[in-house]
PDB file of N, CA and C in Angstrom:
ATOM      1  N   UNK A   1       7.617   3.103 -10.226  1.00  0.00           N
ATOM      2  CA  UNK A   1       7.521   2.619  -8.850  1.00  0.00           C
ATOM      3  C   UNK A   1       6.110   2.790  -8.242  1.00  0.00           C
ATOM      4  N   UNK A   2       5.578   1.822  -7.548  1.00  0.00           N
ATOM      5  CA  UNK A   2       4.282   2.037  -6.998  1.00  0.00           C
ATOM      6  C   UNK A   2       4.121   1.320  -5.778  1.00  0.00           C
ATOM      7  N   UNK A   3       3.252   1.827  -4.919  1.00  0.00           N
ATOM      8  CA  UNK A   3       2.900   1.210  -3.737  1.00  0.00           C
ATOM      9  C   UNK A   3       1.650   0.565  -3.542  1.00  0.00           C
ATOM     10  N   UNK A   4       1.625  -0.581  -3.223  1.00  0.00           N
ATOM     11  CA  UNK A   4       0.219  -1.494  -3.033  1.00  0.00           C
ATOM     12  C   UNK A   4      -0.279  -1.155  -1.665  1.00  0.00           C
ATOM     13  N   UNK A   5      -1.410  -0.357  -1.783  1.00  0.00           N
ATOM     14  CA  UNK A   5      -2.128  -0.156  -0.507  1.00  0.00           C
ATOM     15  C   UNK A   5      -3.106  -1.319  -0.177  1.00  0.00           C
ATOM     16  N   UNK A   6      -3.691  -1.778  -1.134  1.00  0.00           N
ATOM     17  CA  UNK A   6      -4.749  -3.016  -1.007  1.00  0.00           C
ATOM     18  C   UNK A   6      -4.721  -3.841  -2.278  1.00  0.00           C
ATOM     19  N   UNK A   7      -5.265  -4.981  -2.117  1.00  0.00           N
ATOM     20  CA  UNK A   7      -5.167  -5.821  -3.088  1.00  0.00           C
ATOM     21  C   UNK A   7      -5.875  -5.437  -4.506  1.00  0.00           C
ATOM     22  N   UNK A   8      -6.989  -4.542  -4.358  1.00  0.00           N
ATOM     23  CA  UNK A   8      -7.680  -4.127  -5.491  1.00  0.00           C
ATOM     24  C   UNK A   8      -6.831  -3.170  -6.242  1.00  0.00           C
ATOM     25  N   UNK A   9      -5.795  -2.538  -5.759  1.00  0.00           N
ATOM     26  CA  UNK A   9      -4.877  -1.718  -6.546  1.00  0.00           C
ATOM     27  C   UNK A   9      -4.237  -2.360  -7.673  1.00  0.00           C
ATOM     28  N   UNK A  10      -4.091  -3.756  -7.518  1.00  0.00           N
ATOM     29  CA  UNK A  10      -3.316  -4.512  -8.478  1.00  0.00           C
ATOM     30  C   UNK A  10      -3.944  -4.370  -9.979  1.00  0.00           C
ATOM     31  N   UNK A  11      -5.223  -4.154  -9.970  1.00  0.00           N
ATOM     32  CA  UNK A  11      -5.947  -4.013 -11.369  1.00  0.00           C
ATOM     33  C   UNK A  11      -5.177  -2.893 -12.141  1.00  0.00           C
ATOM     34  N   UNK A  12      -4.996  -1.792 -11.462  1.00  0.00           N
ATOM     35  CA  UNK A  12      -4.291  -0.521 -12.145  1.00  0.00           C
ATOM     36  C   UNK A  12      -2.958  -0.838 -12.356  1.00  0.00           C
ATOM     37  N   UNK A  13      -2.205  -1.657 -11.664  1.00  0.00           N
ATOM     38  CA  UNK A  13      -0.812  -1.829 -11.869  1.00  0.00           C
ATOM     39  C   UNK A  13      -0.751  -2.922 -13.075  1.00  0.00           C
ATOM     40  N   UNK A  14      -1.743  -3.770 -13.168  1.00  0.00           N
ATOM     41  CA  UNK A  14      -1.598  -4.748 -14.042  1.00  0.00           C
ATOM     42  C   UNK A  14      -1.803  -4.156 -15.416  1.00  0.00           C
ATOM     43  N   UNK A  15      -2.503  -3.093 -15.642  1.00  0.00           N
ATOM     44  CA  UNK A  15      -2.679  -2.350 -16.821  1.00  0.00           C
ATOM     45  C   UNK A  15      -1.287  -1.840 -17.369  1.00  0.00           C
ATOM     46  N   UNK A  16      -0.529  -1.397 -16.427  1.00  0.00           N
ATOM     47  CA  UNK A  16       0.731  -0.669 -16.583  1.00  0.00           C
ATOM     48  C   UNK A  16       1.597  -1.816 -17.112  1.00  0.00           C
ATOM     49  N   UNK A  17       1.704  -2.883 -16.549  1.00  0.00           N
ATOM     50  CA  UNK A  17       2.557  -4.095 -16.841  1.00  0.00           C
ATOM     51  C   UNK A  17       2.103  -4.622 -18.255  1.00  0.00           C
ATOM     52  N   UNK A  18       0.815  -4.831 -18.491  1.00  0.00           N
ATOM     53  CA  UNK A  18       0.369  -5.400 -19.782  1.00  0.00           C
ATOM     54  C   UNK A  18       0.879  -4.434 -20.970  1.00  0.00           C
ATOM     55  N   UNK A  19       1.072  -3.117 -20.588  1.00  0.00           N
ATOM     56  CA  UNK A  19       1.424  -2.261 -21.705  1.00  0.00           C
ATOM     57  C   UNK A  19       2.871  -2.369 -22.080  1.00  0.00           C
ATOM     58  N   UNK A  20       3.629  -3.243 -21.242  1.00  0.00           N
ATOM     59  CA  UNK A  20       5.083  -3.449 -21.464  1.00  0.00           C
ATOM     60  C   UNK A  20       5.957  -2.670 -20.647  1.00  0.00           C
ATOM     61  N   UNK A  21       5.448  -2.092 -19.608  1.00  0.00           N
ATOM     62  CA  UNK A  21       6.288  -1.330 -18.666  1.00  0.00           C
ATOM     63  C   UNK A  21       6.935  -2.272 -17.614  1.00  0.00           C
ATOM     64  N   UNK A  22       7.938  -1.835 -16.989  1.00  0.00           N
ATOM     65  CA  UNK A  22       8.690  -2.486 -15.892  1.00  0.00           C
ATOM     66  C   UNK A  22       8.062  -1.692 -14.605  1.00  0.00           C
ATOM     67  N   UNK A  23       7.736  -2.477 -13.657  1.00  0.00           N
ATOM     68  CA  UNK A  23       7.025  -1.963 -12.342  1.00  0.00           C
ATOM     69  C   UNK A  23       7.918  -2.491 -11.213  1.00  0.00           C
ATOM     70  N   UNK A  24       8.343  -1.538 -10.308  1.00  0.00           N
ATOM     71  CA  UNK A  24       8.849  -1.884  -8.991  1.00  0.00           C
ATOM     72  C   UNK A  24       7.890  -1.550  -7.978  1.00  0.00           C
ATOM     73  N   UNK A  25       7.318  -2.613  -7.324  1.00  0.00           N
ATOM     74  CA  UNK A  25       6.103  -2.582  -6.485  1.00  0.00           C
ATOM     75  C   UNK A  25       6.568  -2.674  -4.939  1.00  0.00           C
ATOM     76  N   UNK A  26       6.122  -1.699  -4.182  1.00  0.00           N
ATOM     77  CA  UNK A  26       6.307  -1.840  -2.794  1.00  0.00           C
ATOM     78  C   UNK A  26       5.095  -2.420  -2.073  1.00  0.00           C
ATOM     79  N   UNK A  27       5.231  -3.478  -1.506  1.00  0.00           N
ATOM     80  CA  UNK A  27       3.985  -4.132  -0.976  1.00  0.00           C
ATOM     81  C   UNK A  27       3.965  -4.020   0.656  1.00  0.00           C
ATOM     82  N   UNK A  28       4.803  -3.073   1.210  1.00  0.00           N
ATOM     83  CA  UNK A  28       4.968  -2.768   2.604  1.00  0.00           C
ATOM     84  C   UNK A  28       3.634  -2.614   3.257  1.00  0.00           C
ATOM     85  N   UNK A  29       2.700  -1.792   2.707  1.00  0.00           N
ATOM     86  CA  UNK A  29       1.317  -1.504   3.348  1.00  0.00           C
ATOM     87  C   UNK A  29       0.611  -2.849   3.694  1.00  0.00           C
ATOM     88  N   UNK A  30       0.726  -3.802   2.842  1.00  0.00           N
ATOM     89  CA  UNK A  30       0.046  -5.045   3.030  1.00  0.00           C
ATOM     90  C   UNK A  30       0.793  -6.223   3.599  1.00  0.00           C
ATOM     91  N   UNK A  31       2.030  -5.927   3.828  1.00  0.00           N
ATOM     92  CA  UNK A  31       2.846  -7.019   4.306  1.00  0.00           C
ATOM     93  C   UNK A  31       2.681  -7.576   5.695  1.00  0.00           C
ATOM     94  N   UNK A  32       1.925  -6.750   6.447  1.00  0.00           N
ATOM     95  CA  UNK A  32       1.472  -7.287   7.827  1.00  0.00           C
ATOM     96  C   UNK A  32       0.448  -8.226   7.813  1.00  0.00           C
ATOM     97  N   UNK A  33      -0.145  -8.447   6.577  1.00  0.00           N
ATOM     98  CA  UNK A  33      -1.329  -9.353   6.511  1.00  0.00           C
ATOM     99  C   UNK A  33      -0.839 -10.526   5.517  1.00  0.00           C
ATOM    100  N   UNK A  34      -0.355 -11.537   6.046  1.00  0.00           N
ATOM    101  CA  UNK A  34       0.240 -12.702   5.287  1.00  0.00           C
ATOM    102  C   UNK A  34      -0.692 -13.112   4.330  1.00  0.00           C
ATOM    103  N   UNK A  35      -2.057 -13.286   4.497  1.00  0.00           N
ATOM    104  CA  UNK A  35      -3.011 -13.829   3.562  1.00  0.00           C
ATOM    105  C   UNK A  35      -3.182 -12.789   2.330  1.00  0.00           C
ATOM    106  N   UNK A  36      -3.234 -11.556   2.600  1.00  0.00           N
ATOM    107  CA  UNK A  36      -3.342 -10.681   1.563  1.00  0.00           C
ATOM    108  C   UNK A  36      -2.141 -10.530   0.827  1.00  0.00           C
ATOM    109  N   UNK A  37      -0.885 -10.582   1.434  1.00  0.00           N
ATOM    110  CA  UNK A  37       0.266 -10.700   0.798  1.00  0.00           C
ATOM    111  C   UNK A  37       0.392 -11.751  -0.105  1.00  0.00           C
ATOM    112  N   UNK A  38       0.028 -12.955   0.195  1.00  0.00           N
ATOM    113  CA  UNK A  38       0.065 -14.025  -0.537  1.00  0.00           C
ATOM    114  C   UNK A  38      -0.875 -13.993  -1.799  1.00  0.00           C
ATOM    115  N   UNK A  39      -1.916 -13.533  -1.430  1.00  0.00           N
ATOM    116  CA  UNK A  39      -3.064 -13.244  -2.604  1.00  0.00           C
ATOM    117  C   UNK A  39      -2.363 -12.405  -3.668  1.00  0.00           C
ATOM    118  N   UNK A  40      -1.867 -11.250  -3.236  1.00  0.00           N
ATOM    119  CA  UNK A  40      -1.283 -10.337  -4.150  1.00  0.00           C
ATOM    120  C   UNK A  40      -0.063 -10.724  -5.010  1.00  0.00           C
ATOM    121  N   UNK A  41       0.663 -11.677  -4.240  1.00  0.00           N
ATOM    122  CA  UNK A  41       1.877 -12.353  -4.854  1.00  0.00           C
ATOM    123  C   UNK A  41       1.348 -13.217  -5.912  1.00  0.00           C
ATOM    124  N   UNK A  42       0.446 -14.049  -5.624  1.00  0.00           N
ATOM    125  CA  UNK A  42      -0.075 -15.063  -6.590  1.00  0.00           C
ATOM    126  C   UNK A  42      -0.670 -14.294  -7.796  1.00  0.00           C
ATOM    127  N   UNK A  43      -1.275 -13.225  -7.657  1.00  0.00           N
ATOM    128  CA  UNK A  43      -1.846 -12.488  -8.767  1.00  0.00           C
ATOM    129  C   UNK A  43      -0.923 -11.831  -9.562  1.00  0.00           C
ATOM    130  N   UNK A  44       0.248 -11.325  -8.995  1.00  0.00           N
ATOM    131  CA  UNK A  44       1.457 -10.747  -9.710  1.00  0.00           C
ATOM    132  C   UNK A  44       1.966 -11.832 -10.514  1.00  0.00           C
ATOM    133  N   UNK A  45       2.135 -13.123  -9.941  1.00  0.00           N
ATOM    134  CA  UNK A  45       2.851 -14.357 -10.750  1.00  0.00           C
ATOM    135  C   UNK A  45       1.789 -14.584 -11.956  1.00  0.00           C
ATOM    136  N   UNK A  46       0.422 -14.502 -11.809  1.00  0.00           N
ATOM    137  CA  UNK A  46      -0.377 -14.904 -12.956  1.00  0.00           C
ATOM    138  C   UNK A  46      -0.106 -13.700 -13.972  1.00  0.00           C
ATOM    139  N   UNK A  47      -0.070 -12.514 -13.659  1.00  0.00           N
ATOM    140  CA  UNK A  47       0.100 -11.497 -14.517  1.00  0.00           C
ATOM    141  C   UNK A  47       1.485 -11.607 -15.324  1.00  0.00           C
ATOM    142  N   UNK A  48       2.433 -11.983 -14.730  1.00  0.00           N
ATOM    143  CA  UNK A  48       3.697 -12.171 -15.247  1.00  0.00           C
ATOM    144  C   UNK A  48       3.681 -13.356 -16.173  1.00  0.00           C
ATOM    145  N   UNK A  49       3.062 -14.472 -15.882  1.00  0.00           N
ATOM    146  CA  UNK A  49       2.901 -15.640 -16.943  1.00  0.00           C
ATOM    147  C   UNK A  49       2.094 -15.137 -18.116  1.00  0.00           C
ATOM    148  N   UNK A  50       1.102 -14.310 -17.812  1.00  0.00           N
ATOM    149  CA  UNK A  50       0.289 -13.859 -19.071  1.00  0.00           C
ATOM    150  C   UNK A  50       1.152 -13.162 -20.122  1.00  0.00           C
ATOM    151  N   UNK A  51       2.200 -12.509 -19.675  1.00  0.00           N
ATOM    152  CA  UNK A  51       2.973 -11.668 -20.556  1.00  0.00           C
ATOM    153  C   UNK A  51       4.432 -12.323 -20.974  1.00  0.00           C
ATOM    154  N   UNK A  52       4.557 -13.618 -20.402  1.00  0.00           N
ATOM    155  CA  UNK A  52       5.808 -14.337 -20.545  1.00  0.00           C
ATOM    156  C   UNK A  52       7.005 -13.459 -20.008  1.00  0.00           C
ATOM    157  N   UNK A  53       6.689 -12.811 -18.770  1.00  0.00           N
ATOM    158  CA  UNK A  53       7.686 -11.923 -18.241  1.00  0.00           C
ATOM    159  C   UNK A  53       8.344 -12.755 -17.050  1.00  0.00           C
ATOM    160  N   UNK A  54       9.123 -11.893 -16.179  1.00  0.00           N
ATOM    161  CA  UNK A  54       9.766 -12.273 -15.095  1.00  0.00           C
ATOM    162  C   UNK A  54       9.321 -11.513 -13.827  1.00  0.00           C
ATOM    163  N   UNK A  55       9.432 -12.066 -12.716  1.00  0.00           N
ATOM    164  CA  UNK A  55       9.264 -11.305 -11.328  1.00  0.00           C
ATOM    165  C   UNK A  55      10.401 -11.678 -10.483  1.00  0.00           C
ATOM    166  N   UNK A  56      10.716 -10.755  -9.717  1.00  0.00           N
ATOM    167  CA  UNK A  56      11.922 -10.998  -8.790  1.00  0.00           C
ATOM    168  C   UNK A  56      11.593 -10.209  -7.522  1.00  0.00           C
ATOM    169  N   UNK A  57      12.005 -10.889  -6.386  1.00  0.00           N
ATOM    170  CA  UNK A  57      11.773 -10.092  -5.148  1.00  0.00           C
ATOM    171  C   UNK A  57      12.999  -9.540  -4.857  1.00  0.00           C
ATOM    172  N   UNK A  58      12.973  -8.208  -4.529  1.00  0.00           N
ATOM    173  CA  UNK A  58      14.264  -7.446  -4.188  1.00  0.00           C
ATOM    174  C   UNK A  58      14.414  -7.586  -2.670  1.00  0.00           C
ATOM    175  N   UNK A  59      13.398  -7.727  -2.010  1.00  0.00           N
ATOM    176  CA  UNK A  59      13.429  -8.052  -0.652  1.00  0.00           C
ATOM    177  C   UNK A  59      12.085  -8.447  -0.260  1.00  0.00           C
ATOM    178  N   UNK A  60      11.697  -8.646   1.020  1.00  0.00           N
ATOM    179  CA  UNK A  60      10.232  -9.057   1.376  1.00  0.00           C
ATOM    180  C   UNK A  60       9.232  -8.219   0.867  1.00  0.00           C
ATOM    181  N   UNK A  61       9.601  -6.887   0.777  1.00  0.00           N
ATOM    182  CA  UNK A  61       8.518  -5.838   0.587  1.00  0.00           C
ATOM    183  C   UNK A  61       8.498  -5.246  -0.924  1.00  0.00           C
ATOM    184  N   UNK A  62       9.561  -5.672  -1.744  1.00  0.00           N
ATOM    185  CA  UNK A  62       9.658  -5.134  -3.000  1.00  0.00           C
ATOM    186  C   UNK A  62       9.715  -6.124  -4.148  1.00  0.00           C
ATOM    187  N   UNK A  63       8.973  -5.910  -5.182  1.00  0.00           N
ATOM    188  CA  UNK A  63       9.059  -6.951  -6.339  1.00  0.00           C
ATOM    189  C   UNK A  63       9.422  -5.990  -7.605  1.00  0.00           C
ATOM    190  N   UNK A  64       9.999  -6.507  -8.553  1.00  0.00           N
ATOM    191  CA  UNK A  64      10.273  -5.896  -9.894  1.00  0.00           C
ATOM    192  C   UNK A  64       9.723  -6.850 -10.981  1.00  0.00           C
TER     193      UNK A  64
END
């Protein structure tokens, strides 16, 4: 489980996912900024495509 404080944190979390791990990501800290949230969501989708994985929203602020 991880909490995304800023977009740049995705780089660290991406490594974890590329290593084959499952990540539950809390995006609450950036959810007040719609542009930042969309940017992060798009990057997460790219990462998932790279590994032929899946992404699901648990609610507005959590992804797995």
